[in-house]
Protein backbone atom coordinates (compact mmCIF):
# COMPACT_ATOMS: atom_id res chain seq x y z
CA MET A 1 -0.09 -39.39 -62.16
CA ASN A 2 0.04 -36.78 -64.97
CA ASN A 3 1.55 -33.28 -64.80
CA LYS A 4 -1.84 -31.63 -64.34
CA GLN A 5 -2.59 -33.77 -61.25
CA ILE A 6 0.88 -33.02 -59.81
CA ARG A 7 0.33 -29.31 -60.23
CA ARG A 8 -3.06 -29.56 -58.49
CA LEU A 9 -1.48 -31.33 -55.49
CA GLN A 10 1.35 -28.82 -55.30
CA ALA A 11 -1.19 -25.98 -55.25
CA LYS A 12 -2.74 -27.46 -52.12
CA THR A 13 0.40 -27.36 -50.01
CA PRO A 14 0.77 -24.93 -47.07
CA GLN A 15 3.67 -23.28 -48.92
CA GLN A 16 1.55 -22.50 -51.94
CA ARG A 17 -1.21 -21.14 -49.75
CA PHE A 18 1.25 -18.89 -48.00
CA LEU A 19 2.56 -17.65 -51.34
CA ARG A 20 -0.97 -17.00 -52.54
CA VAL A 21 -1.74 -14.89 -49.44
CA LEU A 22 1.42 -12.85 -49.86
CA GLU A 23 0.82 -12.21 -53.52
CA GLN A 24 -2.97 -11.67 -53.54
CA GLU A 25 -3.66 -10.11 -50.14
CA PHE A 26 -0.38 -8.28 -49.46
CA HIS A 27 0.44 -7.62 -53.11
CA TYR A 28 4.01 -8.85 -53.00
CA ALA A 29 5.80 -9.66 -56.23
CA PRO A 30 6.23 -13.45 -56.80
CA LYS A 31 9.99 -13.33 -56.24
CA VAL A 32 9.63 -11.35 -53.00
CA ALA A 33 6.92 -13.75 -51.82
CA GLN A 34 9.16 -16.74 -52.52
CA ALA A 35 12.07 -15.13 -50.58
CA LEU A 36 9.77 -14.47 -47.63
CA LEU A 37 8.56 -18.09 -47.71
CA GLU A 38 12.13 -19.41 -47.67
CA GLU A 39 13.10 -17.15 -44.77
CA ALA A 40 9.97 -18.11 -42.84
CA GLU A 41 10.70 -21.83 -43.32
CA ILE A 42 14.23 -21.38 -41.99
CA CYS A 43 13.10 -19.34 -38.95
CA LEU A 44 10.24 -21.64 -38.04
CA GLY A 45 11.55 -25.01 -39.12
CA GLY A 46 15.26 -24.63 -38.55
CA THR A 47 18.24 -24.64 -40.86
CA PRO A 48 18.22 -27.62 -43.21
CA GLY A 49 20.47 -30.53 -42.27
CA LEU A 50 20.50 -33.32 -39.75
CA LEU A 51 21.58 -32.86 -36.18
CA ARG A 52 24.19 -35.19 -34.78
CA PRO A 53 23.31 -37.04 -31.58
CA GLY A 54 23.69 -34.70 -28.62
CA GLN A 55 23.21 -31.49 -30.66
CA VAL A 56 20.38 -28.99 -30.37
CA ARG A 57 19.42 -25.84 -32.25
CA VAL A 58 19.24 -22.61 -30.24
CA ILE A 59 18.65 -18.98 -31.06
CA LEU A 60 21.37 -16.67 -29.74
CA ALA A 61 22.19 -12.97 -30.04
CA GLU A 62 24.62 -12.08 -32.79
CA ARG A 63 28.07 -11.18 -31.55
CA GLU A 64 27.99 -7.64 -32.97
CA ALA A 65 24.51 -6.86 -31.62
CA GLY A 66 24.42 -3.93 -29.27
CA HIS A 67 23.64 -4.17 -25.56
CA GLY A 68 21.47 -1.11 -25.15
CA GLN A 69 18.35 -2.47 -26.73
CA ALA A 70 15.56 -4.85 -25.80
CA LEU A 71 16.19 -8.50 -26.51
CA ARG A 72 13.25 -8.64 -28.92
CA ASP A 73 15.00 -5.96 -31.04
CA THR A 74 18.37 -7.68 -30.94
CA ALA A 75 19.64 -9.44 -34.06
CA THR A 76 19.75 -13.20 -33.50
CA THR A 77 21.02 -16.29 -35.36
CA GLU A 78 20.26 -20.00 -35.10
CA VAL A 79 23.30 -22.02 -34.01
CA LEU A 80 24.08 -25.63 -33.22
CA TRP A 81 25.10 -26.50 -29.70
CA THR A 82 26.73 -29.83 -28.75
CA VAL A 83 25.17 -30.42 -25.36
CA ASP A 84 26.38 -34.03 -25.21
CA MET A 85 29.73 -34.98 -26.79
CA GLY A 86 29.09 -38.69 -26.29
CA ALA A 87 32.16 -40.74 -25.34
CA GLU A 88 34.22 -37.68 -24.44
CA ASP A 89 31.61 -36.45 -21.96
CA GLN A 90 31.32 -39.93 -20.51
CA GLN A 91 35.09 -39.95 -19.89
CA VAL A 92 34.82 -36.66 -18.00
CA LEU A 93 31.83 -37.89 -16.00
CA GLN A 94 33.52 -41.14 -14.96
CA ARG A 95 36.83 -39.51 -14.10
CA HIS A 96 35.82 -36.17 -12.59
CA GLY A 97 32.08 -36.28 -11.81
CA ARG A 98 28.85 -34.54 -12.69
CA ILE A 99 29.84 -30.97 -11.74
CA ALA A 100 33.06 -31.15 -13.73
CA LEU A 101 31.12 -32.38 -16.75
CA ARG A 102 28.81 -29.37 -16.52
CA HIS A 103 31.85 -27.06 -16.35
CA VAL A 104 33.23 -28.67 -19.52
CA ARG A 105 29.88 -28.29 -21.30
CA ILE A 106 29.57 -24.64 -20.31
CA GLN A 107 32.97 -23.90 -21.83
CA ARG A 108 32.19 -25.90 -24.94
CA LEU A 109 28.83 -24.22 -25.55
CA LEU A 110 30.30 -20.73 -25.11
CA GLY A 111 33.05 -21.57 -27.58
CA GLU A 112 30.62 -23.00 -30.11
CA ALA A 113 28.43 -19.89 -29.83
CA LEU A 114 31.44 -17.59 -30.43
CA GLY A 115 32.59 -19.75 -33.38
CA GLN A 116 29.20 -19.26 -35.06
CA GLY A 117 29.19 -15.50 -34.68
CA THR A 118 26.98 -15.34 -31.61
CA VAL A 119 27.22 -14.93 -27.84
CA ALA A 120 25.19 -16.66 -25.17
CA THR A 121 23.92 -15.54 -21.80
CA GLN A 122 23.89 -17.43 -18.55
CA GLU A 123 20.12 -17.88 -19.05
CA ASP A 124 20.82 -19.55 -22.41
CA LEU A 125 23.15 -21.99 -20.75
CA SER A 126 20.70 -22.64 -17.94
CA ARG A 127 18.00 -23.68 -20.42
CA ALA A 128 20.30 -25.79 -22.57
CA LEU A 129 21.81 -27.68 -19.60
CA HIS A 130 18.49 -27.97 -17.67
CA VAL A 131 19.82 -26.48 -14.46
CA SER A 132 18.87 -23.40 -12.50
CA LEU A 133 20.42 -19.99 -13.16
CA ARG A 134 21.80 -20.04 -9.63
CA THR A 135 23.70 -23.20 -10.50
CA ILE A 136 25.16 -21.60 -13.62
CA LYS A 137 26.23 -18.53 -11.65
CA ARG A 138 27.99 -20.76 -9.14
CA ASP A 139 29.74 -22.60 -11.97
CA PHE A 140 30.85 -19.30 -13.47
CA ALA A 141 32.30 -18.15 -10.15
CA TYR A 142 34.35 -21.34 -9.90
CA LEU A 143 35.62 -21.23 -13.49
CA GLN A 144 36.49 -17.54 -13.36
CA ALA A 145 38.48 -18.20 -10.17
CA GLN A 146 40.60 -20.52 -12.32
CA GLU A 147 41.15 -17.48 -14.68
CA ILE A 148 39.16 -19.14 -17.44
CA TYR A 149 37.62 -16.62 -19.84
CA LEU A 150 33.89 -17.20 -20.32
CA PRO A 151 32.72 -15.16 -23.33
CA THR A 152 29.08 -14.32 -22.56
CA ARG A 153 27.06 -11.48 -23.96
CA SER A 154 27.54 -9.42 -20.84
CA LYS A 155 31.31 -9.97 -20.76
CA LEU A 156 32.64 -10.14 -24.28
CA HIS A 157 36.12 -8.78 -24.83
CA GLY A 158 39.27 -9.45 -26.79
CA ILE A 159 42.16 -11.63 -25.71
CA GLY A 160 43.51 -10.21 -22.50
CA ARG A 161 44.22 -11.45 -19.02
CA GLY A 162 41.67 -14.23 -19.24
CA GLN A 163 42.07 -17.27 -21.50
CA THR A 164 39.53 -19.79 -22.75
CA HIS A 165 39.85 -23.34 -21.63
CA LYS A 166 41.41 -24.37 -24.96
CA ALA A 167 44.17 -21.75 -24.65
CA GLN A 168 44.82 -22.74 -21.05
CA ILE A 169 45.14 -26.44 -22.08
CA VAL A 170 47.61 -25.52 -24.82
CA ARG A 171 49.61 -23.29 -22.46
CA ARG A 172 49.87 -26.12 -19.90
CA TRP A 173 51.05 -28.48 -22.60
CA LEU A 174 53.64 -26.06 -23.92
CA GLN A 175 54.93 -25.62 -20.36
CA GLY A 176 55.58 -29.33 -19.99
CA GLU A 177 52.45 -31.01 -18.65
CA THR A 178 51.43 -34.38 -20.04
CA TYR A 179 48.03 -35.19 -21.52
CA ASP A 180 47.09 -37.07 -18.30
CA GLN A 181 48.16 -34.16 -16.08
CA ILE A 182 46.24 -31.64 -18.17
CA ALA A 183 43.12 -33.82 -18.16
CA LEU A 184 43.36 -34.15 -14.36
CA HIS A 185 43.88 -30.42 -13.72
CA THR A 186 41.33 -29.10 -16.22
CA HIS A 187 38.70 -31.91 -15.91
CA HIS A 188 38.67 -32.52 -19.64
CA SER A 189 38.91 -35.83 -21.46
CA ILE A 190 42.28 -36.90 -22.79
CA SER A 191 40.88 -37.13 -26.30
CA SER A 192 39.68 -33.50 -26.22
CA VAL A 193 43.04 -32.36 -24.85
CA LYS A 194 44.81 -34.13 -27.73
CA ARG A 195 42.43 -32.55 -30.25
CA TYR A 196 43.01 -29.02 -28.95
CA ILE A 197 46.78 -29.46 -29.10
CA GLN A 198 46.72 -30.90 -32.62
CA THR A 199 44.58 -27.98 -33.79
CA PHE A 200 46.99 -25.55 -32.13
CA ALA A 201 49.93 -27.17 -33.95
CA ARG A 202 48.09 -26.87 -37.31
CA VAL A 203 47.40 -23.18 -36.60
CA ILE A 204 51.08 -22.54 -36.01
CA HIS A 205 52.05 -24.54 -39.13
CA LEU A 206 49.84 -22.40 -41.34
CA HIS A 207 50.90 -19.22 -39.56
CA ARG A 208 54.54 -19.99 -40.33
CA GLN A 209 53.59 -20.46 -43.98
CA GLY A 210 52.27 -16.93 -44.07
CA PHE A 211 48.51 -17.58 -43.96
CA PRO A 212 46.48 -14.74 -42.34
CA GLU A 213 44.28 -15.50 -39.34
CA SER A 214 41.10 -15.47 -41.37
CA GLN A 215 42.36 -18.11 -43.80
CA ILE A 216 43.77 -20.26 -40.97
CA ALA A 217 40.33 -20.24 -39.31
CA LEU A 218 38.64 -21.13 -42.63
CA LEU A 219 41.04 -23.95 -43.48
CA LEU A 220 40.84 -25.53 -39.99
CA GLN A 221 37.12 -24.83 -39.49
CA ILE A 222 37.68 -22.91 -36.26
CA SER A 223 36.69 -19.39 -35.26
CA ILE A 224 38.97 -16.45 -35.91
CA PRO A 225 39.05 -15.55 -32.18
CA LEU A 226 40.30 -19.06 -31.37
CA ALA A 227 43.01 -18.81 -34.07
CA GLN A 228 44.06 -15.47 -32.63
CA GLU A 229 44.13 -16.87 -29.11
CA TYR A 230 46.26 -19.81 -30.15
CA LEU A 231 48.73 -17.44 -31.81
CA ALA A 232 48.81 -15.31 -28.65
CA VAL A 233 49.67 -18.40 -26.55
CA TYR A 234 52.33 -19.33 -29.06
CA ARG A 235 53.99 -15.90 -28.76
CA GLN A 236 53.72 -15.86 -24.95
CA ASN A 237 55.49 -19.23 -24.60
CA ASP A 238 58.53 -18.70 -26.80
CA THR A 239 60.98 -20.75 -24.77
CA PRO A 240 63.38 -23.51 -25.98
CA GLU A 241 61.40 -26.18 -24.07
CA SER A 242 58.04 -25.02 -25.50
CA GLN A 243 59.43 -24.79 -29.01
CA LYS A 244 60.84 -28.32 -28.74
CA ARG A 245 57.48 -29.74 -27.74
CA LEU A 246 55.82 -27.89 -30.59
CA GLU A 247 58.33 -29.06 -33.19
CA ASP A 248 57.93 -32.65 -32.02
CA GLN A 249 54.14 -32.36 -32.36
CA LEU A 250 54.45 -30.85 -35.85
CA GLN A 251 56.70 -33.72 -36.94
CA ARG A 252 54.20 -36.28 -35.59
CA LEU A 253 51.34 -34.61 -37.43
CA SER A 254 53.41 -34.44 -40.61
CA ARG A 255 54.26 -38.14 -40.40
CA GLY A 256 50.61 -38.96 -39.73
CA SER A 257 49.32 -36.94 -42.67
CA SER A 258 51.81 -38.58 -45.03
CA THR A 259 50.21 -41.96 -44.39
CA ARG A 260 46.72 -40.66 -45.26
CA GLN A 261 45.34 -39.04 -48.36
CA LYS A 262 47.37 -36.02 -49.42
CA PRO A 263 45.73 -32.85 -47.97
CA GLN A 264 45.44 -29.39 -49.47
CA LYS A 265 48.70 -27.55 -49.87
CA GLY A 266 49.90 -26.07 -46.62
CA VAL A 267 47.53 -28.00 -44.36
CA LEU A 268 48.83 -30.72 -42.01
């Protein structure tokens, strides 16, 4: 196939037709038309990249969007939600049951939304988890009774009396609970409990090296609010016993990292 034939085929694509309409009928400049095409493809076809098993794309309100306007006028962003975590979710289901698994998923989805600069509503969770809004409201009442902070669009605030499930897990660990005890009390899998604690230890390691919260979040691929919350838990549990547990964890992570490929400077 020669170049002339290739150009003819390219001219017949839906993208080229869309560009032609923008340029000829709406009189947009070619560069502006191309930018509009790219934005339209992202909005209608999704952000490029493959989804992992268990993930879905959803459109959520941006975190900084105001509350006093209609939803259709609210700034939104496409985010990835991990509805099914695979083996970790299966552990929770087998050990704690279906309702506990839904509680874990609610907390995970809210955290993922916040980490991507958005906030979800109870209606968003209802659709993603394929349950009624009444069920979600009942789940919220239970979790909030456990003093777990659920950052939704209608109740978004800074770190205060409430703590997210990750911060509560870290607090329990600092205060002496074992992985098994934490998993039993919080209805999370042991593997997720270990992961939260390891991330917490890395946050503290970088904090001690003088990294600001924004850089800690960037290096560890977590949200700034989560980094801030981990630091708050660290300051609130400044006891000899808690510090001993943390130092032991930091030493284990340091030994583990020395057996793998050398990381970036300052990162465990």
